[in-house]
Amino acid sequence: MRGVLPQILGSGNQFDEDAIVGGSCVLLNTMNDLAAATVVEVSGGSASVEYHRLGRFTAVSNSEGFFRFPPIDRVSRVKPEANDGARIVTVDSFSQNYGATENTIDFVFTSIAIFHLPF
């Protein structure tokens, strides 16, 4: 085994709220340079620098369109994305109702047909 020091690239993202010890989520005020990231560096204050794997919440729907997110804590808004294999649709912002048994998100995939007519 060989120890390495990860080199984190990209700009910093500040916590929007203090992290909770043992929590699975942190709330950030921006999401700069996280699209392709797999590891994040957490630093600041008098604490030592920490490196954590970055995880994204994913869910796959069944044939009726139902899906379930993995356990999420302290999240008030999400930006869900649907992918049918050819197209991606994103909902700008969705607030879940934790008191409801089900929450509904509608994704609409549209196609545009282009016809070339001979002159």
Protein backbone atom coordinates (compact mmCIF):
# COMPACT_ATOMS: atom_id res chain seq x y z
CA MET A 1 0.00 0.00 0.00
CA ARG A 2 1.26 3.43 -0.90
CA GLY A 3 -0.05 6.70 0.53
CA VAL A 4 -0.79 9.52 -1.85
CA LEU A 5 -1.94 13.08 -1.42
CA PRO A 6 -4.91 13.80 -3.71
CA GLN A 7 -4.68 16.97 -5.74
CA ILE A 8 -8.09 18.60 -5.70
CA LEU A 9 -8.73 20.77 -8.75
CA GLY A 10 -11.39 23.39 -9.20
CA SER A 11 -12.85 26.21 -7.20
CA GLY A 12 -14.06 26.00 -3.63
CA ASN A 13 -17.67 25.63 -2.57
CA GLN A 14 -18.63 26.98 0.83
CA PHE A 15 -20.96 25.14 3.20
CA ASP A 16 -24.36 26.81 3.33
CA GLU A 17 -24.94 25.34 6.81
CA ASP A 18 -22.68 23.61 9.32
CA ALA A 19 -22.22 19.90 8.72
CA ILE A 20 -23.67 17.42 11.20
CA VAL A 21 -21.35 14.79 12.67
CA GLY A 22 -22.23 11.44 11.07
CA GLY A 23 -24.56 13.07 8.50
CA SER A 24 -24.64 11.76 4.95
CA CYS A 25 -25.08 15.18 3.30
CA VAL A 26 -23.60 18.64 3.40
CA LEU A 27 -25.41 21.69 2.13
CA LEU A 28 -23.38 23.86 -0.22
CA ASN A 29 -24.02 27.40 -1.40
CA THR A 30 -22.71 26.56 -4.91
CA MET A 31 -21.97 23.43 -6.95
CA ASN A 32 -18.92 24.68 -8.89
CA ASP A 33 -16.73 22.05 -10.56
CA LEU A 34 -18.55 19.04 -9.04
CA ALA A 35 -20.04 17.51 -12.21
CA ALA A 36 -17.12 15.15 -12.83
CA ALA A 37 -15.68 15.08 -9.29
CA THR A 38 -15.33 11.81 -7.39
CA VAL A 39 -13.44 13.13 -4.34
CA VAL A 40 -13.85 16.37 -2.42
CA GLU A 41 -11.55 18.12 0.02
CA VAL A 42 -13.14 19.48 3.18
CA SER A 43 -11.06 22.13 4.93
CA GLY A 44 -11.35 25.21 7.05
CA GLY A 45 -11.09 26.37 10.62
CA SER A 46 -8.72 24.55 12.94
CA ALA A 47 -9.70 21.04 11.81
CA SER A 48 -7.41 18.90 9.67
CA VAL A 49 -8.08 18.66 5.94
CA GLU A 50 -10.34 15.69 5.09
CA TYR A 51 -10.93 13.90 1.79
CA HIS A 52 -14.29 12.26 1.08
CA ARG A 53 -15.78 10.38 -1.84
CA LEU A 54 -18.47 12.38 -3.59
CA GLY A 55 -21.70 10.49 -4.10
CA ARG A 56 -24.71 11.39 -6.14
CA PHE A 57 -28.21 10.21 -5.38
CA THR A 58 -29.55 8.08 -8.20
CA ALA A 59 -32.72 6.10 -8.66
CA VAL A 60 -34.09 4.03 -11.54
CA SER A 61 -37.83 3.93 -12.13
CA ASN A 62 -39.82 0.76 -12.69
CA SER A 63 -42.06 0.20 -15.74
CA GLU A 64 -44.80 2.31 -14.12
CA GLY A 65 -42.49 5.25 -13.48
CA PHE A 66 -42.15 4.81 -9.71
CA PHE A 67 -38.75 5.27 -8.09
CA ARG A 68 -37.35 5.76 -4.62
CA PHE A 69 -34.39 7.91 -3.68
CA PRO A 70 -31.87 6.43 -1.27
CA PRO A 71 -32.00 7.86 2.28
CA ILE A 72 -31.46 11.61 2.12
CA ASP A 73 -31.17 13.79 5.21
CA ARG A 74 -31.44 17.57 5.59
CA VAL A 75 -32.32 18.15 1.94
CA SER A 76 -35.04 20.66 1.16
CA ARG A 77 -34.61 20.97 -2.60
CA VAL A 78 -33.26 18.70 -5.30
CA LYS A 79 -32.59 19.16 -9.02
CA PRO A 80 -33.71 15.82 -10.49
CA GLU A 81 -32.65 14.67 -13.93
CA ALA A 82 -34.30 12.03 -16.13
CA ASN A 83 -32.48 10.18 -18.89
CA ASP A 84 -34.24 7.92 -21.41
CA GLY A 85 -30.97 6.81 -23.00
CA ALA A 86 -31.12 9.42 -25.74
CA ARG A 87 -32.29 12.61 -24.05
CA ILE A 88 -31.85 14.24 -20.65
CA VAL A 89 -34.52 16.37 -18.97
CA THR A 90 -33.82 18.34 -15.78
CA VAL A 91 -36.34 19.83 -13.35
CA ASP A 92 -34.85 23.10 -12.10
CA SER A 93 -35.91 22.65 -8.50
CA PHE A 94 -38.13 20.27 -6.57
CA SER A 95 -39.05 20.37 -2.88
CA GLN A 96 -40.05 17.05 -1.41
CA ASN A 97 -42.91 16.79 1.04
CA TYR A 98 -41.48 14.48 3.71
CA GLY A 99 -44.94 14.07 5.27
CA ALA A 100 -46.46 12.61 2.10
CA THR A 101 -46.33 8.93 1.16
CA GLU A 102 -45.56 9.82 -2.47
CA ASN A 103 -44.25 12.91 -4.23
CA THR A 104 -44.81 13.43 -7.95
CA ILE A 105 -42.28 14.75 -10.44
CA ASP A 106 -43.31 15.02 -14.08
CA PHE A 107 -40.63 14.72 -16.75
CA VAL A 108 -41.66 15.46 -20.31
CA PHE A 109 -39.56 14.20 -23.19
CA THR A 110 -40.31 15.89 -26.48
CA SER A 111 -39.00 15.19 -29.93
CA ILE A 112 -38.79 17.45 -32.91
CA ALA A 113 -39.11 15.89 -36.34
CA ILE A 114 -37.21 17.61 -39.13
CA PHE A 115 -38.29 16.84 -42.64
CA HIS A 116 -36.21 17.68 -45.71
CA LEU A 117 -38.47 18.21 -48.67
CA PRO A 118 -37.06 18.09 -52.21
CA PHE A 119 -37.40 21.28 -54.26
